[in-house]
Amino acid sequence: MLDYILKIITATRTEAEFKAGVSVRGGLALRVAAQSRALMLGRDFVIPEDVQAMAGAVLAHRLSLARQTSDALEERRTVLAGLRRIINAVPVPE
């Protein structure tokens, strides 16, 4: 799962829509959040769905758009849509 998280974080750094990608600390926060979700669901291991479910909540506020908008809600929706595209593009580990 760490490799999967790293690929998602790296993809945010190369996405032209974002001014800057997610930092290493953001990746670590995503790991902890995914572990927490797995534990709350009764598992002692993380699956890709845990990472995907937590990515928006953990990473969205760490990203800013390269082209700013005047509406904060529109910016958040755009960031979340960009994250969804990235997560859908990164191959899920088996």
C-alpha atoms as a PDB file:
ATOM      1  CA  MET A   1       0.000   0.000   0.000  1.00  0.00           C
ATOM      2  CA  LEU A   2       2.897   2.369   0.625  1.00  0.00           C
ATOM      3  CA  ASP A   3       3.878   2.152  -3.044  1.00  0.00           C
ATOM      4  CA  TYR A   4       0.262   2.859  -4.033  1.00  0.00           C
ATOM      5  CA  ILE A   5       0.140   5.933  -1.783  1.00  0.00           C
ATOM      6  CA  LEU A   6       3.489   7.108  -3.146  1.00  0.00           C
ATOM      7  CA  LYS A   7       2.221   6.828  -6.727  1.00  0.00           C
ATOM      8  CA  ILE A   8      -0.848   8.919  -5.865  1.00  0.00           C
ATOM      9  CA  ILE A   9       1.295  11.564  -4.149  1.00  0.00           C
ATOM     10  CA  THR A  10       3.737  11.653  -7.076  1.00  0.00           C
ATOM     11  CA  ALA A  11       0.871  12.043  -9.528  1.00  0.00           C
ATOM     12  CA  THR A  12      -0.372  15.127  -7.665  1.00  0.00           C
ATOM     13  CA  ARG A  13       3.060  16.682  -8.174  1.00  0.00           C
ATOM     14  CA  THR A  14       3.001  16.177 -11.944  1.00  0.00           C
ATOM     15  CA  GLU A  15      -0.622  17.241 -12.470  1.00  0.00           C
ATOM     16  CA  ALA A  16      -0.634  20.532 -14.376  1.00  0.00           C
ATOM     17  CA  GLU A  17      -3.922  21.569 -12.766  1.00  0.00           C
ATOM     18  CA  PHE A  18      -2.260  21.912  -9.341  1.00  0.00           C
ATOM     19  CA  LYS A  19       0.192  24.621  -8.338  1.00  0.00           C
ATOM     20  CA  ALA A  20       2.136  22.203  -6.149  1.00  0.00           C
ATOM     21  CA  GLY A  21       1.624  18.565  -5.259  1.00  0.00           C
ATOM     22  CA  VAL A  22       1.140  16.886  -1.926  1.00  0.00           C
ATOM     23  CA  SER A  23       4.154  16.761   0.391  1.00  0.00           C
ATOM     24  CA  VAL A  24       5.682  13.746   2.108  1.00  0.00           C
ATOM     25  CA  ARG A  25       3.802  14.700   5.273  1.00  0.00           C
ATOM     26  CA  GLY A  26       0.573  14.565   3.287  1.00  0.00           C
ATOM     27  CA  GLY A  27       1.446  11.054   2.148  1.00  0.00           C
ATOM     28  CA  LEU A  28       2.143  10.011   5.726  1.00  0.00           C
ATOM     29  CA  ALA A  29      -1.186  11.510   6.818  1.00  0.00           C
ATOM     30  CA  LEU A  30      -2.956   9.515   4.094  1.00  0.00           C
ATOM     31  CA  ARG A  31      -1.256   6.331   5.314  1.00  0.00           C
ATOM     32  CA  VAL A  32      -2.370   6.931   8.911  1.00  0.00           C
ATOM     33  CA  ALA A  33      -5.918   7.794   7.831  1.00  0.00           C
ATOM     34  CA  ALA A  34      -6.152   4.633   5.709  1.00  0.00           C
ATOM     35  CA  GLN A  35      -4.841   2.560   8.625  1.00  0.00           C
ATOM     36  CA  SER A  36      -7.396   4.179  10.931  1.00  0.00           C
ATOM     37  CA  ARG A  37     -10.236   3.413   8.528  1.00  0.00           C
ATOM     38  CA  ALA A  38      -9.130  -0.208   8.221  1.00  0.00           C
ATOM     39  CA  LEU A  39      -9.004  -0.535  12.003  1.00  0.00           C
ATOM     40  CA  MET A  40     -12.453   1.016  12.407  1.00  0.00           C
ATOM     41  CA  LEU A  41     -13.774  -1.545   9.912  1.00  0.00           C
ATOM     42  CA  GLY A  42     -12.258  -4.398  11.908  1.00  0.00           C
ATOM     43  CA  ARG A  43      -9.157  -5.098   9.808  1.00  0.00           C
ATOM     44  CA  ASP A  44      -5.508  -5.011  10.805  1.00  0.00           C
ATOM     45  CA  PHE A  45      -4.417  -4.369   7.212  1.00  0.00           C
ATOM     46  CA  VAL A  46      -5.072  -1.643   4.650  1.00  0.00           C
ATOM     47  CA  ILE A  47      -6.714  -2.274   1.282  1.00  0.00           C
ATOM     48  CA  PRO A  48      -6.807   0.109  -1.703  1.00  0.00           C
ATOM     49  CA  GLU A  49     -10.393   1.102  -0.885  1.00  0.00           C
ATOM     50  CA  ASP A  50      -9.176   2.531   2.442  1.00  0.00           C
ATOM     51  CA  VAL A  51      -6.657   4.749   0.656  1.00  0.00           C
ATOM     52  CA  GLN A  52      -9.207   5.811  -1.948  1.00  0.00           C
ATOM     53  CA  ALA A  53     -11.877   6.585   0.646  1.00  0.00           C
ATOM     54  CA  MET A  54      -9.578   8.800   2.707  1.00  0.00           C
ATOM     55  CA  ALA A  55      -7.677  10.563  -0.084  1.00  0.00           C
ATOM     56  CA  GLY A  56     -10.157  13.399  -0.620  1.00  0.00           C
ATOM     57  CA  ALA A  57     -10.521  14.279   3.047  1.00  0.00           C
ATOM     58  CA  VAL A  58      -6.789  14.107   3.748  1.00  0.00           C
ATOM     59  CA  LEU A  59      -5.301  15.591   0.585  1.00  0.00           C
ATOM     60  CA  ALA A  60      -7.770  18.142  -0.798  1.00  0.00           C
ATOM     61  CA  HIS A  61      -6.829  20.974   1.556  1.00  0.00           C
ATOM     62  CA  ARG A  62      -3.140  20.368   0.793  1.00  0.00           C
ATOM     63  CA  LEU A  63      -3.582  21.194  -2.892  1.00  0.00           C
ATOM     64  CA  SER A  64      -4.152  24.511  -4.601  1.00  0.00           C
ATOM     65  CA  LEU A  65      -5.076  25.096  -8.200  1.00  0.00           C
ATOM     66  CA  ALA A  66      -2.606  26.594 -10.634  1.00  0.00           C
ATOM     67  CA  ARG A  67      -5.405  28.883 -11.826  1.00  0.00           C
ATOM     68  CA  GLN A  68      -7.165  30.369  -8.805  1.00  0.00           C
ATOM     69  CA  THR A  69     -10.936  30.774  -8.710  1.00  0.00           C
ATOM     70  CA  SER A  70     -12.894  33.351  -6.766  1.00  0.00           C
ATOM     71  CA  ASP A  71     -15.256  30.757  -5.292  1.00  0.00           C
ATOM     72  CA  ALA A  72     -13.829  28.519  -2.555  1.00  0.00           C
ATOM     73  CA  LEU A  73     -16.491  25.829  -3.030  1.00  0.00           C
ATOM     74  CA  GLU A  74     -15.810  25.669  -6.760  1.00  0.00           C
ATOM     75  CA  GLU A  75     -12.085  25.377  -6.051  1.00  0.00           C
ATOM     76  CA  ARG A  76     -12.669  22.498  -3.612  1.00  0.00           C
ATOM     77  CA  ARG A  77     -14.875  20.677  -6.132  1.00  0.00           C
ATOM     78  CA  THR A  78     -12.220  21.128  -8.810  1.00  0.00           C
ATOM     79  CA  VAL A  79      -9.465  19.847  -6.512  1.00  0.00           C
ATOM     80  CA  LEU A  80     -11.563  16.818  -5.520  1.00  0.00           C
ATOM     81  CA  ALA A  81     -12.317  16.084  -9.192  1.00  0.00           C
ATOM     82  CA  GLY A  82      -8.594  16.247  -9.967  1.00  0.00           C
ATOM     83  CA  LEU A  83      -7.850  13.862  -7.104  1.00  0.00           C
ATOM     84  CA  ARG A  84     -10.519  11.445  -8.359  1.00  0.00           C
ATOM     85  CA  ARG A  85      -8.953  11.500 -11.822  1.00  0.00           C
ATOM     86  CA  ILE A  86      -5.533  10.748 -10.342  1.00  0.00           C
ATOM     87  CA  ILE A  87      -6.829   7.923  -8.160  1.00  0.00           C
ATOM     88  CA  ASN A  88      -8.659   6.395 -11.122  1.00  0.00           C
ATOM     89  CA  ALA A  89      -5.500   6.613 -13.252  1.00  0.00           C
ATOM     90  CA  VAL A  90      -3.101   5.047 -10.725  1.00  0.00           C
ATOM     91  CA  PRO A  91      -3.162   1.256 -11.052  1.00  0.00           C
ATOM     92  CA  VAL A  92      -4.624  -0.464  -8.011  1.00  0.00           C
ATOM     93  CA  PRO A  93      -2.253  -3.028  -6.472  1.00  0.00           C
ATOM     94  CA  GLU A  94      -3.413  -6.642  -6.375  1.00  0.00           C
END
